[in-house]
Amino acid sequence: MARKKTRGKYKLKTHRATAKRFKITGSGKLVRTKIGKGHLRRNTPKRTKAVLSKMIEVETPALKKRVRRLAPYLRRYKYNPPA
């Protein structure tokens, strides 16, 4: 059986921490979760916890560029991860 020919030069490695923290919506927006959800939420009001659960859009172009560079395949494998 013949080998598959590769296109391009190299595969880029995804920065896994970035891939876990950011998601891309169906319309192509880059979204992230809010901070402060790790621990010490026992005495926090329910309303505040509900606000923390929402995803917010990344606004700054510089951060968008950095995330794209760190996780180049973020959009490609969102719904169909490789086996």
PDB file of N, CA and C in Angstrom:
ATOM      1  N   MET A   1       0.835  -1.178   0.000  1.00  0.00           N
ATOM      2  CA  MET A   1       0.000   0.000   0.000  1.00  0.00           C
ATOM      3  C   MET A   1       0.886   1.250   0.000  1.00  0.00           C
ATOM      4  N   ALA A   2       0.592   2.150  -0.871  1.00  0.00           N
ATOM      5  CA  ALA A   2       1.410   3.352  -1.013  1.00  0.00           C
ATOM      6  C   ALA A   2       1.133   4.330   0.121  1.00  0.00           C
ATOM      7  N   ARG A   3       2.156   5.105   0.448  1.00  0.00           N
ATOM      8  CA  ARG A   3       1.996   6.128   1.492  1.00  0.00           C
ATOM      9  C   ARG A   3       1.203   7.309   0.966  1.00  0.00           C
ATOM     10  N   LYS A   4       0.467   7.939   1.879  1.00  0.00           N
ATOM     11  CA  LYS A   4      -0.245   9.155   1.499  1.00  0.00           C
ATOM     12  C   LYS A   4       0.757  10.293   1.375  1.00  0.00           C
ATOM     13  N   LYS A   5       0.622  11.087   0.357  1.00  0.00           N
ATOM     14  CA  LYS A   5       1.496  12.237   0.214  1.00  0.00           C
ATOM     15  C   LYS A   5       0.971  13.365   1.093  1.00  0.00           C
ATOM     16  N   THR A   6       1.891  14.031   1.783  1.00  0.00           N
ATOM     17  CA  THR A   6       1.486  15.122   2.658  1.00  0.00           C
ATOM     18  C   THR A   6       1.490  16.424   1.884  1.00  0.00           C
ATOM     19  N   ARG A   7       0.509  17.264   2.216  1.00  0.00           N
ATOM     20  CA  ARG A   7       0.455  18.585   1.614  1.00  0.00           C
ATOM     21  C   ARG A   7       1.047  19.586   2.584  1.00  0.00           C
ATOM     22  N   GLY A   8       1.749  20.560   2.065  1.00  0.00           N
ATOM     23  CA  GLY A   8       2.318  21.568   2.933  1.00  0.00           C
ATOM     24  C   GLY A   8       3.596  21.075   3.581  1.00  0.00           C
ATOM     25  N   LYS A   9       4.067  21.872   4.546  1.00  0.00           N
ATOM     26  CA  LYS A   9       5.336  21.523   5.172  1.00  0.00           C
ATOM     27  C   LYS A   9       5.159  20.781   6.485  1.00  0.00           C
ATOM     28  N   TYR A  10       4.553  21.435   7.449  1.00  0.00           N
ATOM     29  CA  TYR A  10       4.534  20.865   8.785  1.00  0.00           C
ATOM     30  C   TYR A  10       3.136  20.941   9.391  1.00  0.00           C
ATOM     31  N   LYS A  11       2.883  20.048  10.316  1.00  0.00           N
ATOM     32  CA  LYS A  11       1.686  20.160  11.139  1.00  0.00           C
ATOM     33  C   LYS A  11       2.035  21.011  12.346  1.00  0.00           C
ATOM     34  N   LEU A  12       1.135  21.879  12.746  1.00  0.00           N
ATOM     35  CA  LEU A  12       1.369  22.716  13.912  1.00  0.00           C
ATOM     36  C   LEU A  12       0.788  22.045  15.138  1.00  0.00           C
ATOM     37  N   LYS A  13       1.455  22.191  16.257  1.00  0.00           N
ATOM     38  CA  LYS A  13       0.930  21.634  17.498  1.00  0.00           C
ATOM     39  C   LYS A  13      -0.002  22.637  18.148  1.00  0.00           C
ATOM     40  N   THR A  14      -1.143  22.156  18.612  1.00  0.00           N
ATOM     41  CA  THR A  14      -2.121  23.004  19.288  1.00  0.00           C
ATOM     42  C   THR A  14      -1.723  23.178  20.741  1.00  0.00           C
ATOM     43  N   HIS A  15      -1.815  24.393  21.219  1.00  0.00           N
ATOM     44  CA  HIS A  15      -1.599  24.684  22.639  1.00  0.00           C
ATOM     45  C   HIS A  15      -2.868  24.246  23.363  1.00  0.00           C
ATOM     46  N   ARG A  16      -2.782  23.141  24.103  1.00  0.00           N
ATOM     47  CA  ARG A  16      -3.981  22.491  24.642  1.00  0.00           C
ATOM     48  C   ARG A  16      -4.728  23.365  25.648  1.00  0.00           C
ATOM     49  N   ALA A  17      -4.008  24.141  26.441  1.00  0.00           N
ATOM     50  CA  ALA A  17      -4.679  25.017  27.417  1.00  0.00           C
ATOM     51  C   ALA A  17      -5.537  26.044  26.703  1.00  0.00           C
ATOM     52  N   THR A  18      -5.053  26.566  25.592  1.00  0.00           N
ATOM     53  CA  THR A  18      -5.830  27.532  24.813  1.00  0.00           C
ATOM     54  C   THR A  18      -7.046  26.862  24.197  1.00  0.00           C
ATOM     55  N   ALA A  19      -6.882  25.676  23.666  1.00  0.00           N
ATOM     56  CA  ALA A  19      -7.992  24.970  23.028  1.00  0.00           C
ATOM     57  C   ALA A  19      -9.101  24.656  24.025  1.00  0.00           C
ATOM     58  N   LYS A  20      -8.732  24.432  25.290  1.00  0.00           N
ATOM     59  CA  LYS A  20      -9.740  24.121  26.303  1.00  0.00           C
ATOM     60  C   LYS A  20     -10.471  25.369  26.787  1.00  0.00           C
ATOM     61  N   ARG A  21      -9.824  26.528  26.716  1.00  0.00           N
ATOM     62  CA  ARG A  21     -10.405  27.748  27.263  1.00  0.00           C
ATOM     63  C   ARG A  21     -11.264  28.517  26.275  1.00  0.00           C
ATOM     64  N   PHE A  22     -11.031  28.334  24.984  1.00  0.00           N
ATOM     65  CA  PHE A  22     -11.745  29.099  23.970  1.00  0.00           C
ATOM     66  C   PHE A  22     -12.538  28.174  23.068  1.00  0.00           C
ATOM     67  N   LYS A  23     -13.650  28.695  22.549  1.00  0.00           N
ATOM     68  CA  LYS A  23     -14.476  27.957  21.599  1.00  0.00           C
ATOM     69  C   LYS A  23     -14.830  28.897  20.460  1.00  0.00           C
ATOM     70  N   ILE A  24     -15.189  28.331  19.313  1.00  0.00           N
ATOM     71  CA  ILE A  24     -15.635  29.128  18.180  1.00  0.00           C
ATOM     72  C   ILE A  24     -17.087  28.771  17.908  1.00  0.00           C
ATOM     73  N   THR A  25     -17.927  29.804  17.806  1.00  0.00           N
ATOM     74  CA  THR A  25     -19.350  29.589  17.567  1.00  0.00           C
ATOM     75  C   THR A  25     -19.575  29.236  16.105  1.00  0.00           C
ATOM     76  N   GLY A  26     -20.807  28.893  15.784  1.00  0.00           N
ATOM     77  CA  GLY A  26     -21.141  28.557  14.404  1.00  0.00           C
ATOM     78  C   GLY A  26     -20.954  29.715  13.456  1.00  0.00           C
ATOM     79  N   SER A  27     -21.151  30.936  13.953  1.00  0.00           N
ATOM     80  CA  SER A  27     -20.985  32.119  13.101  1.00  0.00           C
ATOM     81  C   SER A  27     -19.543  32.596  13.057  1.00  0.00           C
ATOM     82  N   GLY A  28     -18.630  31.920  13.777  1.00  0.00           N
ATOM     83  CA  GLY A  28     -17.224  32.256  13.693  1.00  0.00           C
ATOM     84  C   GLY A  28     -16.712  33.175  14.786  1.00  0.00           C
ATOM     85  N   LYS A  29     -17.531  33.460  15.800  1.00  0.00           N
ATOM     86  CA  LYS A  29     -17.070  34.315  16.894  1.00  0.00           C
ATOM     87  C   LYS A  29     -16.230  33.496  17.864  1.00  0.00           C
ATOM     88  N   LEU A  30     -15.224  34.141  18.419  1.00  0.00           N
ATOM     89  CA  LEU A  30     -14.361  33.514  19.414  1.00  0.00           C
ATOM     90  C   LEU A  30     -14.917  33.863  20.790  1.00  0.00           C
ATOM     91  N   VAL A  31     -15.254  32.848  21.593  1.00  0.00           N
ATOM     92  CA  VAL A  31     -15.841  33.089  22.902  1.00  0.00           C
ATOM     93  C   VAL A  31     -15.023  32.409  23.984  1.00  0.00           C
ATOM     94  N   ARG A  32     -15.146  32.936  25.194  1.00  0.00           N
ATOM     95  CA  ARG A  32     -14.432  32.385  26.337  1.00  0.00           C
ATOM     96  C   ARG A  32     -15.350  32.427  27.547  1.00  0.00           C
ATOM     97  N   THR A  33     -14.991  31.666  28.592  1.00  0.00           N
ATOM     98  CA  THR A  33     -15.749  31.705  29.834  1.00  0.00           C
ATOM     99  C   THR A  33     -15.192  32.811  30.726  1.00  0.00           C
ATOM    100  N   LYS A  34     -15.936  33.155  31.748  1.00  0.00           N
ATOM    101  CA  LYS A  34     -15.486  34.184  32.679  1.00  0.00           C
ATOM    102  C   LYS A  34     -14.606  33.576  33.755  1.00  0.00           C
ATOM    103  N   ILE A  35     -13.833  34.448  34.412  1.00  0.00           N
ATOM    104  CA  ILE A  35     -12.943  33.964  35.466  1.00  0.00           C
ATOM    105  C   ILE A  35     -13.704  33.862  36.780  1.00  0.00           C
ATOM    106  N   GLY A  36     -13.107  33.195  37.754  1.00  0.00           N
ATOM    107  CA  GLY A  36     -13.684  33.122  39.086  1.00  0.00           C
ATOM    108  C   GLY A  36     -14.609  31.949  39.295  1.00  0.00           C
ATOM    109  N   LYS A  37     -14.458  30.901  38.494  1.00  0.00           N
ATOM    110  CA  LYS A  37     -15.342  29.748  38.634  1.00  0.00           C
ATOM    111  C   LYS A  37     -14.651  28.551  39.259  1.00  0.00           C
ATOM    112  N   GLY A  38     -13.395  28.696  39.622  1.00  0.00           N
ATOM    113  CA  GLY A  38     -12.615  27.551  40.078  1.00  0.00           C
ATOM    114  C   GLY A  38     -13.014  27.022  41.441  1.00  0.00           C
ATOM    115  N   HIS A  39     -13.083  27.895  42.424  1.00  0.00           N
ATOM    116  CA  HIS A  39     -13.395  27.448  43.783  1.00  0.00           C
ATOM    117  C   HIS A  39     -13.874  28.649  44.588  1.00  0.00           C
ATOM    118  N   LEU A  40     -14.210  28.427  45.861  1.00  0.00           N
ATOM    119  CA  LEU A  40     -14.704  29.470  46.784  1.00  0.00           C
ATOM    120  C   LEU A  40     -15.982  30.133  46.296  1.00  0.00           C
ATOM    121  N   ARG A  41     -16.927  29.333  45.814  1.00  0.00           N
ATOM    122  CA  ARG A  41     -18.204  29.898  45.381  1.00  0.00           C
ATOM    123  C   ARG A  41     -19.347  29.510  46.302  1.00  0.00           C
ATOM    124  N   ARG A  42     -19.035  28.992  47.460  1.00  0.00           N
ATOM    125  CA  ARG A  42     -20.078  28.510  48.356  1.00  0.00           C
ATOM    126  C   ARG A  42     -20.967  29.645  48.846  1.00  0.00           C
ATOM    127  N   ASN A  43     -20.361  30.786  49.168  1.00  0.00           N
ATOM    128  CA  ASN A  43     -21.136  31.902  49.697  1.00  0.00           C
ATOM    129  C   ASN A  43     -21.530  32.912  48.625  1.00  0.00           C
ATOM    130  N   THR A  44     -21.301  32.588  47.385  1.00  0.00           N
ATOM    131  CA  THR A  44     -21.633  33.503  46.292  1.00  0.00           C
ATOM    132  C   THR A  44     -23.124  33.401  45.979  1.00  0.00           C
ATOM    133  N   PRO A  45     -23.788  34.524  45.719  1.00  0.00           N
ATOM    134  CA  PRO A  45     -25.210  34.485  45.370  1.00  0.00           C
ATOM    135  C   PRO A  45     -25.458  33.708  44.063  1.00  0.00           C
ATOM    136  N   LYS A  46     -26.641  33.134  43.954  1.00  0.00           N
ATOM    137  CA  LYS A  46     -26.983  32.344  42.774  1.00  0.00           C
ATOM    138  C   LYS A  46     -26.954  33.191  41.504  1.00  0.00           C
ATOM    139  N   ARG A  47     -27.374  34.438  41.655  1.00  0.00           N
ATOM    140  CA  ARG A  47     -27.390  35.323  40.495  1.00  0.00           C
ATOM    141  C   ARG A  47     -25.981  35.542  39.951  1.00  0.00           C
ATOM    142  N   THR A  48     -25.023  35.728  40.830  1.00  0.00           N
ATOM    143  CA  THR A  48     -23.634  35.914  40.420  1.00  0.00           C
ATOM    144  C   THR A  48     -23.095  34.651  39.764  1.00  0.00           C
ATOM    145  N   LYS A  49     -23.434  33.503  40.307  1.00  0.00           N
ATOM    146  CA  LYS A  49     -22.980  32.247  39.719  1.00  0.00           C
ATOM    147  C   LYS A  49     -23.587  32.047  38.334  1.00  0.00           C
ATOM    148  N   ALA A  50     -24.819  32.472  38.153  1.00  0.00           N
ATOM    149  CA  ALA A  50     -25.464  32.368  36.845  1.00  0.00           C
ATOM    150  C   ALA A  50     -24.777  33.269  35.828  1.00  0.00           C
ATOM    151  N   VAL A  51     -24.364  34.454  36.262  1.00  0.00           N
ATOM    152  CA  VAL A  51     -23.660  35.374  35.368  1.00  0.00           C
ATOM    153  C   VAL A  51     -22.308  34.779  34.964  1.00  0.00           C
ATOM    154  N   LEU A  52     -21.647  34.101  35.907  1.00  0.00           N
ATOM    155  CA  LEU A  52     -20.345  33.501  35.612  1.00  0.00           C
ATOM    156  C   LEU A  52     -20.436  32.364  34.608  1.00  0.00           C
ATOM    157  N   SER A  53     -21.604  31.737  34.486  1.00  0.00           N
ATOM    158  CA  SER A  53     -21.719  30.576  33.623  1.00  0.00           C
ATOM    159  C   SER A  53     -21.814  30.942  32.145  1.00  0.00           C
ATOM    160  N   LYS A  54     -22.063  32.209  31.830  1.00  0.00           N
ATOM    161  CA  LYS A  54     -22.227  32.617  30.435  1.00  0.00           C
ATOM    162  C   LYS A  54     -20.870  32.768  29.745  1.00  0.00           C
ATOM    163  N   MET A  55     -20.881  32.536  28.442  1.00  0.00           N
ATOM    164  CA  MET A  55     -19.685  32.742  27.620  1.00  0.00           C
ATOM    165  C   MET A  55     -19.734  34.165  27.076  1.00  0.00           C
ATOM    166  N   ILE A  56     -18.571  34.807  26.978  1.00  0.00           N
ATOM    167  CA  ILE A  56     -18.520  36.146  26.413  1.00  0.00           C
ATOM    168  C   ILE A  56     -17.584  36.170  25.215  1.00  0.00           C
ATOM    169  N   GLU A  57     -17.877  37.061  24.285  1.00  0.00           N
ATOM    170  CA  GLU A  57     -17.098  37.146  23.052  1.00  0.00           C
ATOM    171  C   GLU A  57     -15.775  37.849  23.308  1.00  0.00           C
ATOM    172  N   VAL A  58     -14.750  37.389  22.632  1.00  0.00           N
ATOM    173  CA  VAL A  58     -13.443  38.042  22.705  1.00  0.00           C
ATOM    174  C   VAL A  58     -13.487  39.236  21.761  1.00  0.00           C
ATOM    175  N   GLU A  59     -13.176  40.425  22.292  1.00  0.00           N
ATOM    176  CA  GLU A  59     -13.317  41.651  21.516  1.00  0.00           C
ATOM    177  C   GLU A  59     -12.011  42.085  20.847  1.00  0.00           C
ATOM    178  N   THR A  60     -10.895  41.987  21.563  1.00  0.00           N
ATOM    179  CA  THR A  60      -9.658  42.587  21.079  1.00  0.00           C
ATOM    180  C   THR A  60      -9.047  41.793  19.926  1.00  0.00           C
ATOM    181  N   PRO A  61      -8.668  42.491  18.858  1.00  0.00           N
ATOM    182  CA  PRO A  61      -8.069  41.794  17.712  1.00  0.00           C
ATOM    183  C   PRO A  61      -6.745  41.109  18.054  1.00  0.00           C
ATOM    184  N   ALA A  62      -5.984  41.703  18.977  1.00  0.00           N
ATOM    185  CA  ALA A  62      -4.689  41.118  19.333  1.00  0.00           C
ATOM    186  C   ALA A  62      -4.865  39.758  20.001  1.00  0.00           C
ATOM    187  N   LEU A  63      -5.861  39.641  20.879  1.00  0.00           N
ATOM    188  CA  LEU A  63      -6.103  38.363  21.556  1.00  0.00           C
ATOM    189  C   LEU A  63      -6.633  37.327  20.574  1.00  0.00           C
ATOM    190  N   LYS A  64      -7.483  37.756  19.659  1.00  0.00           N
ATOM    191  CA  LYS A  64      -7.985  36.836  18.632  1.00  0.00           C
ATOM    192  C   LYS A  64      -6.828  36.269  17.811  1.00  0.00           C
ATOM    193  N   LYS A  65      -5.903  37.141  17.450  1.00  0.00           N
ATOM    194  CA  LYS A  65      -4.757  36.719  16.647  1.00  0.00           C
ATOM    195  C   LYS A  65      -3.893  35.725  17.416  1.00  0.00           C
ATOM    196  N   ARG A  66      -3.703  35.990  18.706  1.00  0.00           N
ATOM    197  CA  ARG A  66      -2.879  35.103  19.530  1.00  0.00           C
ATOM    198  C   ARG A  66      -3.523  33.726  19.676  1.00  0.00           C
ATOM    199  N   VAL A  67      -4.851  33.711  19.876  1.00  0.00           N
ATOM    200  CA  VAL A  67      -5.549  32.430  20.032  1.00  0.00           C
ATOM    201  C   VAL A  67      -5.497  31.635  18.736  1.00  0.00           C
ATOM    202  N   ARG A  68      -5.664  32.305  17.599  1.00  0.00           N
ATOM    203  CA  ARG A  68      -5.592  31.618  16.307  1.00  0.00           C
ATOM    204  C   ARG A  68      -4.209  31.002  16.097  1.00  0.00           C
ATOM    205  N   ARG A  69      -3.188  31.710  16.576  1.00  0.00           N
ATOM    206  CA  ARG A  69      -1.829  31.219  16.411  1.00  0.00           C
ATOM    207  C   ARG A  69      -1.561  30.024  17.333  1.00  0.00           C
ATOM    208  N   LEU A  70      -2.095  30.081  18.550  1.00  0.00           N
ATOM    209  CA  LEU A  70      -1.854  29.003  19.513  1.00  0.00           C
ATOM    210  C   LEU A  70      -2.701  27.766  19.222  1.00  0.00           C
ATOM    211  N   ALA A  71      -3.907  27.970  18.699  1.00  0.00           N
ATOM    212  CA  ALA A  71      -4.795  26.841  18.402  1.00  0.00           C
ATOM    213  C   ALA A  71      -5.260  26.941  16.955  1.00  0.00           C
ATOM    214  N   PRO A  72      -4.413  26.586  16.001  1.00  0.00           N
ATOM    215  CA  PRO A  72      -4.754  26.797  14.592  1.00  0.00           C
ATOM    216  C   PRO A  72      -5.893  25.920  14.085  1.00  0.00           C
ATOM    217  N   TYR A  73      -6.148  24.787  14.723  1.00  0.00           N
ATOM    218  CA  TYR A  73      -7.192  23.877  14.247  1.00  0.00           C
ATOM    219  C   TYR A  73      -8.442  23.941  15.104  1.00  0.00           C
ATOM    220  N   LEU A  74      -8.608  25.013  15.843  1.00  0.00           N
ATOM    221  CA  LEU A  74      -9.733  25.134  16.773  1.00  0.00           C
ATOM    222  C   LEU A  74     -11.066  25.031  16.044  1.00  0.00           C
ATOM    223  N   ARG A  75     -11.197  25.714  14.944  1.00  0.00           N
ATOM    224  CA  ARG A  75     -12.454  25.716  14.207  1.00  0.00           C
ATOM    225  C   ARG A  75     -12.682  24.392  13.484  1.00  0.00           C
ATOM    226  N   ARG A  76     -11.638  23.828  12.953  1.00  0.00           N
ATOM    227  CA  ARG A  76     -11.771  22.657  12.086  1.00  0.00           C
ATOM    228  C   ARG A  76     -12.326  21.441  12.820  1.00  0.00           C
ATOM    229  N   TYR A  77     -11.910  21.217  14.063  1.00  0.00           N
ATOM    230  CA  TYR A  77     -12.271  19.985  14.755  1.00  0.00           C
ATOM    231  C   TYR A  77     -13.296  20.194  15.860  1.00  0.00           C
ATOM    232  N   LYS A  78     -14.074  21.279  15.797  1.00  0.00           N
ATOM    233  CA  LYS A  78     -15.018  21.531  16.882  1.00  0.00           C
ATOM    234  C   LYS A  78     -16.089  20.445  16.957  1.00  0.00           C
ATOM    235  N   TYR A  79     -16.693  20.119  15.817  1.00  0.00           N
ATOM    236  CA  TYR A  79     -17.798  19.162  15.831  1.00  0.00           C
ATOM    237  C   TYR A  79     -17.378  17.760  15.416  1.00  0.00           C
ATOM    238  N   ASN A  80     -16.256  17.641  14.741  1.00  0.00           N
ATOM    239  CA  ASN A  80     -15.839  16.347  14.236  1.00  0.00           C
ATOM    240  C   ASN A  80     -14.377  16.091  14.623  1.00  0.00           C
ATOM    241  N   PRO A  81     -14.122  15.761  15.896  1.00  0.00           N
ATOM    242  CA  PRO A  81     -12.732  15.562  16.305  1.00  0.00           C
ATOM    243  C   PRO A  81     -12.128  14.332  15.649  1.00  0.00           C
ATOM    244  N   PRO A  82     -10.821  14.375  15.386  1.00  0.00           N
ATOM    245  CA  PRO A  82     -10.187  13.211  14.766  1.00  0.00           C
ATOM    246  C   PRO A  82     -10.142  12.028  15.731  1.00  0.00           C
ATOM    247  N   ALA A  83     -10.263  10.833  15.178  1.00  0.00           N
ATOM    248  CA  ALA A  83     -10.299   9.629  16.012  1.00  0.00           C
ATOM    249  C   ALA A  83      -8.930   9.222  16.494  1.00  0.00           C
TER     250      ALA A  83
END
